[in-house]
Amino acid sequence: MKGKAIVTADRGYESYNNFAHIERKGWNYVIRVKDLDSNGILSGLRLPVSGEFDINVHLTLTKKQTKEVKAHPGIYKFVPSTSTFDFLDLQDN
C-alpha cells in the first residue's frame, strides 16, 4: 500500500508482531487492547490503573533473556519463541 494509512483494529489483533510491521511501514494505528487486569499486552506495562491516559510506549523487543533484559522491564520486552513474531530474525543478534 502506498501513501498514508491509519490502521484500526479491535481486541484480539494486538500483538507485538502487528505493531512492528505497521510501524516499519510508517503507518499510524489505533488498536484496542484487553484490560490491564487481563493477560494481554497491557498487563506487562507500567500504566496508570485509573483514569484516562494517552502515552507513547517505547520498548526494545528481544528473543533473549539476559540479565540486562530482566533488570530493565520498562526498556525491554521478551518475546517468547511460542509467540508469532516474524519481524526479528532468529539468527540475528
PDB file of N, CA and C in Angstrom:
ATOM      1  N   MET A   1       0.854  -1.172   0.000  1.00  0.00           N
ATOM      2  CA  MET A   1       0.000   0.000   0.000  1.00  0.00           C
ATOM      3  C   MET A   1       0.901   1.237   0.000  1.00  0.00           C
ATOM      4  N   LYS A   2       0.621   2.162  -0.852  1.00  0.00           N
ATOM      5  CA  LYS A   2       1.377   3.417  -0.917  1.00  0.00           C
ATOM      6  C   LYS A   2       0.561   4.541  -0.303  1.00  0.00           C
ATOM      7  N   GLY A   3       1.246   5.578   0.144  1.00  0.00           N
ATOM      8  CA  GLY A   3       0.563   6.724   0.727  1.00  0.00           C
ATOM      9  C   GLY A   3       0.360   6.554   2.213  1.00  0.00           C
ATOM     10  N   LYS A   4      -0.436   7.448   2.761  1.00  0.00           N
ATOM     11  CA  LYS A   4      -0.689   7.431   4.203  1.00  0.00           C
ATOM     12  C   LYS A   4      -1.781   6.429   4.533  1.00  0.00           C
ATOM     13  N   ALA A   5      -1.655   5.823   5.707  1.00  0.00           N
ATOM     14  CA  ALA A   5      -2.643   4.840   6.145  1.00  0.00           C
ATOM     15  C   ALA A   5      -2.823   4.942   7.651  1.00  0.00           C
ATOM     16  N   ILE A   6      -4.032   4.651   8.090  1.00  0.00           N
ATOM     17  CA  ILE A   6      -4.333   4.523   9.511  1.00  0.00           C
ATOM     18  C   ILE A   6      -4.989   3.161   9.685  1.00  0.00           C
ATOM     19  N   VAL A   7      -4.386   2.332  10.512  1.00  0.00           N
ATOM     20  CA  VAL A   7      -4.909   1.003  10.782  1.00  0.00           C
ATOM     21  C   VAL A   7      -5.735   1.077  12.055  1.00  0.00           C
ATOM     22  N   THR A   8      -6.951   0.563  12.019  1.00  0.00           N
ATOM     23  CA  THR A   8      -7.775   0.459  13.220  1.00  0.00           C
ATOM     24  C   THR A   8      -8.112  -1.015  13.415  1.00  0.00           C
ATOM     25  N   ALA A   9      -8.022  -1.465  14.655  1.00  0.00           N
ATOM     26  CA  ALA A   9      -8.294  -2.873  14.935  1.00  0.00           C
ATOM     27  C   ALA A   9      -8.886  -3.013  16.328  1.00  0.00           C
ATOM     28  N   ASP A  10      -9.633  -4.065  16.508  1.00  0.00           N
ATOM     29  CA  ASP A  10     -10.277  -4.344  17.782  1.00  0.00           C
ATOM     30  C   ASP A  10      -9.411  -5.306  18.598  1.00  0.00           C
ATOM     31  N   ARG A  11      -9.874  -5.626  19.794  1.00  0.00           N
ATOM     32  CA  ARG A  11      -9.170  -6.585  20.644  1.00  0.00           C
ATOM     33  C   ARG A  11      -8.951  -7.879  19.873  1.00  0.00           C
ATOM     34  N   GLY A  12      -7.875  -8.535  20.195  1.00  0.00           N
ATOM     35  CA  GLY A  12      -7.551  -9.782  19.523  1.00  0.00           C
ATOM     36  C   GLY A  12      -6.510  -9.583  18.424  1.00  0.00           C
ATOM     37  N   TYR A  13      -6.329  -8.350  17.981  1.00  0.00           N
ATOM     38  CA  TYR A  13      -5.331  -8.054  16.957  1.00  0.00           C
ATOM     39  C   TYR A  13      -4.099  -7.396  17.552  1.00  0.00           C
ATOM     40  N   GLU A  14      -4.106  -7.185  18.874  1.00  0.00           N
ATOM     41  CA  GLU A  14      -2.940  -6.569  19.490  1.00  0.00           C
ATOM     42  C   GLU A  14      -1.836  -7.615  19.622  1.00  0.00           C
ATOM     43  N   SER A  15      -0.741  -7.354  18.968  1.00  0.00           N
ATOM     44  CA  SER A  15       0.438  -8.215  19.081  1.00  0.00           C
ATOM     45  C   SER A  15       1.654  -7.389  18.712  1.00  0.00           C
ATOM     46  N   TYR A  16       2.766  -7.718  19.332  1.00  0.00           N
ATOM     47  CA  TYR A  16       3.992  -7.003  19.009  1.00  0.00           C
ATOM     48  C   TYR A  16       4.365  -7.203  17.544  1.00  0.00           C
ATOM     49  N   ASN A  17       4.021  -8.340  16.989  1.00  0.00           N
ATOM     50  CA  ASN A  17       4.304  -8.608  15.584  1.00  0.00           C
ATOM     51  C   ASN A  17       3.551  -7.622  14.687  1.00  0.00           C
ATOM     52  N   ASN A  18       2.266  -7.432  14.956  1.00  0.00           N
ATOM     53  CA  ASN A  18       1.482  -6.474  14.163  1.00  0.00           C
ATOM     54  C   ASN A  18       2.003  -5.048  14.345  1.00  0.00           C
ATOM     55  N   PHE A  19       2.287  -4.674  15.596  1.00  0.00           N
ATOM     56  CA  PHE A  19       2.805  -3.324  15.852  1.00  0.00           C
ATOM     57  C   PHE A  19       4.111  -3.086  15.089  1.00  0.00           C
ATOM     58  N   ALA A  20       5.005  -4.063  15.109  1.00  0.00           N
ATOM     59  CA  ALA A  20       6.312  -3.903  14.455  1.00  0.00           C
ATOM     60  C   ALA A  20       6.161  -3.719  12.948  1.00  0.00           C
ATOM     61  N   HIS A  21       5.319  -4.527  12.331  1.00  0.00           N
ATOM     62  CA  HIS A  21       5.131  -4.422  10.881  1.00  0.00           C
ATOM     63  C   HIS A  21       4.466  -3.101  10.495  1.00  0.00           C
ATOM     64  N   ILE A  22       3.477  -2.672  11.267  1.00  0.00           N
ATOM     65  CA  ILE A  22       2.790  -1.414  10.986  1.00  0.00           C
ATOM     66  C   ILE A  22       3.753  -0.238  11.144  1.00  0.00           C
ATOM     67  N   GLU A  23       4.538  -0.258  12.211  1.00  0.00           N
ATOM     68  CA  GLU A  23       5.488   0.843  12.433  1.00  0.00           C
ATOM     69  C   GLU A  23       6.562   0.880  11.357  1.00  0.00           C
ATOM     70  N   ARG A  24       7.039  -0.285  10.929  1.00  0.00           N
ATOM     71  CA  ARG A  24       8.065  -0.337   9.873  1.00  0.00           C
ATOM     72  C   ARG A  24       7.544   0.318   8.589  1.00  0.00           C
ATOM     73  N   LYS A  25       6.254   0.174   8.333  1.00  0.00           N
ATOM     74  CA  LYS A  25       5.655   0.770   7.133  1.00  0.00           C
ATOM     75  C   LYS A  25       5.384   2.263   7.298  1.00  0.00           C
ATOM     76  N   GLY A  26       5.540   2.771   8.526  1.00  0.00           N
ATOM     77  CA  GLY A  26       5.316   4.185   8.773  1.00  0.00           C
ATOM     78  C   GLY A  26       3.851   4.564   8.883  1.00  0.00           C
ATOM     79  N   TRP A  27       2.997   3.573   9.100  1.00  0.00           N
ATOM     80  CA  TRP A  27       1.563   3.827   9.218  1.00  0.00           C
ATOM     81  C   TRP A  27       1.229   4.253  10.647  1.00  0.00           C
ATOM     82  N   ASN A  28       0.118   4.945  10.788  1.00  0.00           N
ATOM     83  CA  ASN A  28      -0.444   5.266  12.099  1.00  0.00           C
ATOM     84  C   ASN A  28      -1.438   4.171  12.449  1.00  0.00           C
ATOM     85  N   TYR A  29      -1.681   3.995  13.748  1.00  0.00           N
ATOM     86  CA  TYR A  29      -2.618   2.937  14.125  1.00  0.00           C
ATOM     87  C   TYR A  29      -3.289   3.222  15.457  1.00  0.00           C
ATOM     88  N   VAL A  30      -4.477   2.668  15.579  1.00  0.00           N
ATOM     89  CA  VAL A  30      -5.234   2.657  16.819  1.00  0.00           C
ATOM     90  C   VAL A  30      -5.730   1.230  16.969  1.00  0.00           C
ATOM     91  N   ILE A  31      -5.244   0.558  18.002  1.00  0.00           N
ATOM     92  CA  ILE A  31      -5.639  -0.829  18.223  1.00  0.00           C
ATOM     93  C   ILE A  31      -6.144  -0.967  19.650  1.00  0.00           C
ATOM     94  N   ARG A  32      -7.389  -1.375  19.783  1.00  0.00           N
ATOM     95  CA  ARG A  32      -7.972  -1.580  21.101  1.00  0.00           C
ATOM     96  C   ARG A  32      -7.382  -2.847  21.700  1.00  0.00           C
ATOM     97  N   VAL A  33      -7.033  -2.789  22.977  1.00  0.00           N
ATOM     98  CA  VAL A  33      -6.388  -3.933  23.622  1.00  0.00           C
ATOM     99  C   VAL A  33      -7.188  -4.366  24.846  1.00  0.00           C
ATOM    100  N   LYS A  34      -6.853  -5.544  25.347  1.00  0.00           N
ATOM    101  CA  LYS A  34      -7.523  -6.064  26.542  1.00  0.00           C
ATOM    102  C   LYS A  34      -7.217  -5.189  27.745  1.00  0.00           C
ATOM    103  N   ASP A  35      -8.036  -5.296  28.792  1.00  0.00           N
ATOM    104  CA  ASP A  35      -7.878  -4.513  30.016  1.00  0.00           C
ATOM    105  C   ASP A  35      -6.550  -4.795  30.706  1.00  0.00           C
ATOM    106  N   LEU A  36      -6.163  -3.866  31.580  1.00  0.00           N
ATOM    107  CA  LEU A  36      -4.928  -4.001  32.360  1.00  0.00           C
ATOM    108  C   LEU A  36      -4.900  -5.287  33.190  1.00  0.00           C
ATOM    109  N   ASP A  37      -6.059  -5.719  33.677  1.00  0.00           N
ATOM    110  CA  ASP A  37      -6.137  -6.891  34.551  1.00  0.00           C
ATOM    111  C   ASP A  37      -6.137  -8.211  33.791  1.00  0.00           C
ATOM    112  N   SER A  38      -6.080  -8.156  32.468  1.00  0.00           N
ATOM    113  CA  SER A  38      -6.116  -9.377  31.670  1.00  0.00           C
ATOM    114  C   SER A  38      -4.705  -9.915  31.468  1.00  0.00           C
ATOM    115  N   ASN A  39      -4.586 -10.898  30.616  1.00  0.00           N
ATOM    116  CA  ASN A  39      -3.271 -11.463  30.309  1.00  0.00           C
ATOM    117  C   ASN A  39      -2.729 -10.895  28.994  1.00  0.00           C
ATOM    118  N   GLY A  40      -3.238  -9.763  28.563  1.00  0.00           N
ATOM    119  CA  GLY A  40      -2.831  -9.159  27.295  1.00  0.00           C
ATOM    120  C   GLY A  40      -1.566  -8.322  27.420  1.00  0.00           C
ATOM    121  N   ILE A  41      -1.249  -7.616  26.359  1.00  0.00           N
ATOM    122  CA  ILE A  41      -0.049  -6.797  26.267  1.00  0.00           C
ATOM    123  C   ILE A  41       0.034  -5.766  27.396  1.00  0.00           C
ATOM    124  N   LEU A  42      -1.072  -5.156  27.746  1.00  0.00           N
ATOM    125  CA  LEU A  42      -1.050  -4.108  28.773  1.00  0.00           C
ATOM    126  C   LEU A  42      -0.636  -4.610  30.144  1.00  0.00           C
ATOM    127  N   SER A  43      -0.875  -5.888  30.410  1.00  0.00           N
ATOM    128  CA  SER A  43      -0.563  -6.413  31.745  1.00  0.00           C
ATOM    129  C   SER A  43       0.932  -6.337  32.057  1.00  0.00           C
ATOM    130  N   GLY A  44       1.785  -6.291  31.050  1.00  0.00           N
ATOM    131  CA  GLY A  44       3.219  -6.220  31.268  1.00  0.00           C
ATOM    132  C   GLY A  44       3.787  -4.812  31.274  1.00  0.00           C
ATOM    133  N   LEU A  45       2.942  -3.818  31.080  1.00  0.00           N
ATOM    134  CA  LEU A  45       3.394  -2.430  31.048  1.00  0.00           C
ATOM    135  C   LEU A  45       3.026  -1.721  32.343  1.00  0.00           C
ATOM    136  N   ARG A  46       3.801  -0.732  32.705  1.00  0.00           N
ATOM    137  CA  ARG A  46       3.502   0.046  33.924  1.00  0.00           C
ATOM    138  C   ARG A  46       2.650   1.247  33.531  1.00  0.00           C
ATOM    139  N   LEU A  47       1.355   1.048  33.566  1.00  0.00           N
ATOM    140  CA  LEU A  47       0.412   2.095  33.175  1.00  0.00           C
ATOM    141  C   LEU A  47      -0.442   2.500  34.360  1.00  0.00           C
ATOM    142  N   PRO A  48      -1.015   3.703  34.327  1.00  0.00           N
ATOM    143  CA  PRO A  48      -1.924   4.124  35.401  1.00  0.00           C
ATOM    144  C   PRO A  48      -3.089   3.143  35.520  1.00  0.00           C
ATOM    145  N   VAL A  49      -3.517   2.864  36.742  1.00  0.00           N
ATOM    146  CA  VAL A  49      -4.591   1.898  36.953  1.00  0.00           C
ATOM    147  C   VAL A  49      -5.976   2.545  36.908  1.00  0.00           C
ATOM    148  N   SER A  50      -6.042   3.867  36.910  1.00  0.00           N
ATOM    149  CA  SER A  50      -7.346   4.518  36.842  1.00  0.00           C
ATOM    150  C   SER A  50      -7.249   5.774  35.991  1.00  0.00           C
ATOM    151  N   GLY A  51      -8.394   6.221  35.560  1.00  0.00           N
ATOM    152  CA  GLY A  51      -8.458   7.430  34.756  1.00  0.00           C
ATOM    153  C   GLY A  51      -8.072   7.182  33.308  1.00  0.00           C
ATOM    154  N   GLU A  52      -8.110   8.228  32.534  1.00  0.00           N
ATOM    155  CA  GLU A  52      -7.734   8.139  31.132  1.00  0.00           C
ATOM    156  C   GLU A  52      -6.301   8.589  30.961  1.00  0.00           C
ATOM    157  N   PHE A  53      -5.644   8.052  29.990  1.00  0.00           N
ATOM    158  CA  PHE A  53      -4.273   8.457  29.722  1.00  0.00           C
ATOM    159  C   PHE A  53      -3.954   8.235  28.252  1.00  0.00           C
ATOM    160  N   ASP A  54      -3.032   8.996  27.761  1.00  0.00           N
ATOM    161  CA  ASP A  54      -2.567   8.894  26.382  1.00  0.00           C
ATOM    162  C   ASP A  54      -1.051   9.004  26.437  1.00  0.00           C
ATOM    163  N   ILE A  55      -0.380   7.874  26.278  1.00  0.00           N
ATOM    164  CA  ILE A  55       1.076   7.877  26.396  1.00  0.00           C
ATOM    165  C   ILE A  55       1.708   7.115  25.237  1.00  0.00           C
ATOM    166  N   ASN A  56       2.939   7.449  24.951  1.00  0.00           N
ATOM    167  CA  ASN A  56       3.728   6.686  23.994  1.00  0.00           C
ATOM    168  C   ASN A  56       4.511   5.637  24.770  1.00  0.00           C
ATOM    169  N   VAL A  57       4.590   4.447  24.231  1.00  0.00           N
ATOM    170  CA  VAL A  57       5.338   3.370  24.854  1.00  0.00           C
ATOM    171  C   VAL A  57       6.475   2.994  23.911  1.00  0.00           C
ATOM    172  N   HIS A  58       7.690   3.000  24.435  1.00  0.00           N
ATOM    173  CA  HIS A  58       8.869   2.636  23.653  1.00  0.00           C
ATOM    174  C   HIS A  58       9.508   1.411  24.303  1.00  0.00           C
ATOM    175  N   LEU A  59       9.531   0.303  23.584  1.00  0.00           N
ATOM    176  CA  LEU A  59      10.126  -0.929  24.081  1.00  0.00           C
ATOM    177  C   LEU A  59      11.094  -1.481  23.048  1.00  0.00           C
ATOM    178  N   THR A  60      12.117  -2.149  23.520  1.00  0.00           N
ATOM    179  CA  THR A  60      13.008  -2.894  22.652  1.00  0.00           C
ATOM    180  C   THR A  60      12.612  -4.358  22.788  1.00  0.00           C
ATOM    181  N   LEU A  61      12.168  -4.952  21.699  1.00  0.00           N
ATOM    182  CA  LEU A  61      11.745  -6.348  21.722  1.00  0.00           C
ATOM    183  C   LEU A  61      12.952  -7.249  21.527  1.00  0.00           C
ATOM    184  N   THR A  62      12.968  -8.351  22.254  1.00  0.00           N
ATOM    185  CA  THR A  62      14.109  -9.262  22.179  1.00  0.00           C
ATOM    186  C   THR A  62      13.656 -10.702  22.362  1.00  0.00           C
ATOM    187  N   LYS A  63      14.404 -11.608  21.786  1.00  0.00           N
ATOM    188  CA  LYS A  63      14.173 -13.040  21.976  1.00  0.00           C
ATOM    189  C   LYS A  63      15.129 -13.602  23.020  1.00  0.00           C
ATOM    190  N   LYS A  64      15.981 -12.742  23.602  1.00  0.00           N
ATOM    191  CA  LYS A  64      16.975 -13.176  24.574  1.00  0.00           C
ATOM    192  C   LYS A  64      16.554 -12.796  25.985  1.00  0.00           C
ATOM    193  N   GLN A  65      16.926 -13.642  26.934  1.00  0.00           N
ATOM    194  CA  GLN A  65      16.630 -13.375  28.345  1.00  0.00           C
ATOM    195  C   GLN A  65      17.933 -13.178  29.099  1.00  0.00           C
ATOM    196  N   THR A  66      18.557 -12.060  28.881  1.00  0.00           N
ATOM    197  CA  THR A  66      19.814 -11.763  29.551  1.00  0.00           C
ATOM    198  C   THR A  66      19.541 -11.051  30.874  1.00  0.00           C
ATOM    199  N   LYS A  67      20.571 -10.885  31.692  1.00  0.00           N
ATOM    200  CA  LYS A  67      20.431 -10.150  32.948  1.00  0.00           C
ATOM    201  C   LYS A  67      19.999  -8.711  32.675  1.00  0.00           C
ATOM    202  N   GLU A  68      20.540  -8.128  31.604  1.00  0.00           N
ATOM    203  CA  GLU A  68      20.190  -6.753  31.214  1.00  0.00           C
ATOM    204  C   GLU A  68      18.700  -6.642  30.893  1.00  0.00           C
ATOM    205  N   VAL A  69      18.188  -7.583  30.139  1.00  0.00           N
ATOM    206  CA  VAL A  69      16.768  -7.583  29.763  1.00  0.00           C
ATOM    207  C   VAL A  69      15.896  -7.731  31.001  1.00  0.00           C
ATOM    208  N   LYS A  70      16.232  -8.675  31.852  1.00  0.00           N
ATOM    209  CA  LYS A  70      15.433  -8.921  33.057  1.00  0.00           C
ATOM    210  C   LYS A  70      15.492  -7.755  34.041  1.00  0.00           C
ATOM    211  N   ALA A  71      16.600  -7.042  34.074  1.00  0.00           N
ATOM    212  CA  ALA A  71      16.772  -5.935  35.016  1.00  0.00           C
ATOM    213  C   ALA A  71      16.041  -4.669  34.577  1.00  0.00           C
ATOM    214  N   HIS A  72      15.648  -4.585  33.309  1.00  0.00           N
ATOM    215  CA  HIS A  72      15.009  -3.370  32.785  1.00  0.00           C
ATOM    216  C   HIS A  72      13.712  -3.681  32.032  1.00  0.00           C
ATOM    217  N   PRO A  73      12.675  -4.101  32.758  1.00  0.00           N
ATOM    218  CA  PRO A  73      11.416  -4.447  32.090  1.00  0.00           C
ATOM    219  C   PRO A  73      10.716  -3.242  31.447  1.00  0.00           C
ATOM    220  N   GLY A  74      11.078  -2.041  31.840  1.00  0.00           N
ATOM    221  CA  GLY A  74      10.498  -0.850  31.227  1.00  0.00           C
ATOM    222  C   GLY A  74      11.144  -0.503  29.894  1.00  0.00           C
ATOM    223  N   ILE A  75      12.274  -1.130  29.613  1.00  0.00           N
ATOM    224  CA  ILE A  75      13.003  -0.869  28.366  1.00  0.00           C
ATOM    225  C   ILE A  75      12.877  -2.038  27.393  1.00  0.00           C
ATOM    226  N   TYR A  76      12.986  -3.259  27.931  1.00  0.00           N
ATOM    227  CA  TYR A  76      12.988  -4.457  27.093  1.00  0.00           C
ATOM    228  C   TYR A  76      11.735  -5.290  27.306  1.00  0.00           C
ATOM    229  N   LYS A  77      11.292  -5.916  26.243  1.00  0.00           N
ATOM    230  CA  LYS A  77      10.166  -6.853  26.323  1.00  0.00           C
ATOM    231  C   LYS A  77      10.606  -8.156  25.676  1.00  0.00           C
ATOM    232  N   PHE A  78      10.616  -9.218  26.469  1.00  0.00           N
ATOM    233  CA  PHE A  78      10.973 -10.538  25.969  1.00  0.00           C
ATOM    234  C   PHE A  78       9.811 -11.103  25.151  1.00  0.00           C
ATOM    235  N   VAL A  79      10.113 -11.576  23.956  1.00  0.00           N
ATOM    236  CA  VAL A  79       9.116 -12.196  23.091  1.00  0.00           C
ATOM    237  C   VAL A  79       9.445 -13.686  23.036  1.00  0.00           C
ATOM    238  N   PRO A  80       8.641 -14.534  23.688  1.00  0.00           N
ATOM    239  CA  PRO A  80       8.957 -15.961  23.714  1.00  0.00           C
ATOM    240  C   PRO A  80       8.863 -16.607  22.332  1.00  0.00           C
ATOM    241  N   SER A  81       9.583 -17.699  22.158  1.00  0.00           N
ATOM    242  CA  SER A  81       9.598 -18.377  20.857  1.00  0.00           C
ATOM    243  C   SER A  81       8.228 -18.951  20.505  1.00  0.00           C
ATOM    244  N   THR A  82       7.342 -19.088  21.490  1.00  0.00           N
ATOM    245  CA  THR A  82       5.995 -19.594  21.226  1.00  0.00           C
ATOM    246  C   THR A  82       5.078 -18.518  20.643  1.00  0.00           C
ATOM    247  N   SER A  83       5.499 -17.251  20.714  1.00  0.00           N
ATOM    248  CA  SER A  83       4.712 -16.148  20.153  1.00  0.00           C
ATOM    249  C   SER A  83       5.034 -15.981  18.673  1.00  0.00           C
ATOM    250  N   THR A  84       4.011 -15.674  17.900  1.00  0.00           N
ATOM    251  CA  THR A  84       4.236 -15.376  16.492  1.00  0.00           C
ATOM    252  C   THR A  84       4.945 -14.036  16.407  1.00  0.00           C
ATOM    253  N   PHE A  85       6.165 -14.072  15.904  1.00  0.00           N
ATOM    254  CA  PHE A  85       6.919 -12.846  15.746  1.00  0.00           C
ATOM    255  C   PHE A  85       7.945 -13.044  14.647  1.00  0.00           C
ATOM    256  N   ASP A  86       7.539 -12.786  13.424  1.00  0.00           N
ATOM    257  CA  ASP A  86       8.421 -12.966  12.275  1.00  0.00           C
ATOM    258  C   ASP A  86       9.211 -11.711  11.944  1.00  0.00           C
ATOM    259  N   PHE A  87       9.081 -10.696  12.763  1.00  0.00           N
ATOM    260  CA  PHE A  87       9.759  -9.430  12.500  1.00  0.00           C
ATOM    261  C   PHE A  87      11.244  -9.522  12.842  1.00  0.00           C
ATOM    262  N   LEU A  88      11.603 -10.259  13.900  1.00  0.00           N
ATOM    263  CA  LEU A  88      13.001 -10.427  14.285  1.00  0.00           C
ATOM    264  C   LEU A  88      13.567 -11.679  13.627  1.00  0.00           C
ATOM    265  N   ASP A  89      14.788 -11.567  13.129  1.00  0.00           N
ATOM    266  CA  ASP A  89      15.492 -12.723  12.583  1.00  0.00           C
ATOM    267  C   ASP A  89      16.037 -13.533  13.758  1.00  0.00           C
ATOM    268  N   LEU A  90      15.654 -14.800  13.854  1.00  0.00           N
ATOM    269  CA  LEU A  90      16.088 -15.617  14.978  1.00  0.00           C
ATOM    270  C   LEU A  90      17.585 -15.881  14.975  1.00  0.00           C
ATOM    271  N   GLN A  91      18.235 -15.734  13.840  1.00  0.00           N
ATOM    272  CA  GLN A  91      19.681 -15.964  13.750  1.00  0.00           C
ATOM    273  C   GLN A  91      20.481 -14.688  13.960  1.00  0.00           C
ATOM    274  N   ASP A  92      19.811 -13.553  13.948  1.00  0.00           N
ATOM    275  CA  ASP A  92      20.491 -12.261  14.054  1.00  0.00           C
ATOM    276  C   ASP A  92      20.524 -11.806  15.512  1.00  0.00           C
ATOM    277  N   ASN A  93      21.600 -11.167  15.908  1.00  0.00           N
ATOM    278  CA  ASN A  93      21.686 -10.630  17.271  1.00  0.00           C
ATOM    279  C   ASN A  93      20.907  -9.349  17.382  1.00  0.00           C
TER     280      ASN A  93
END
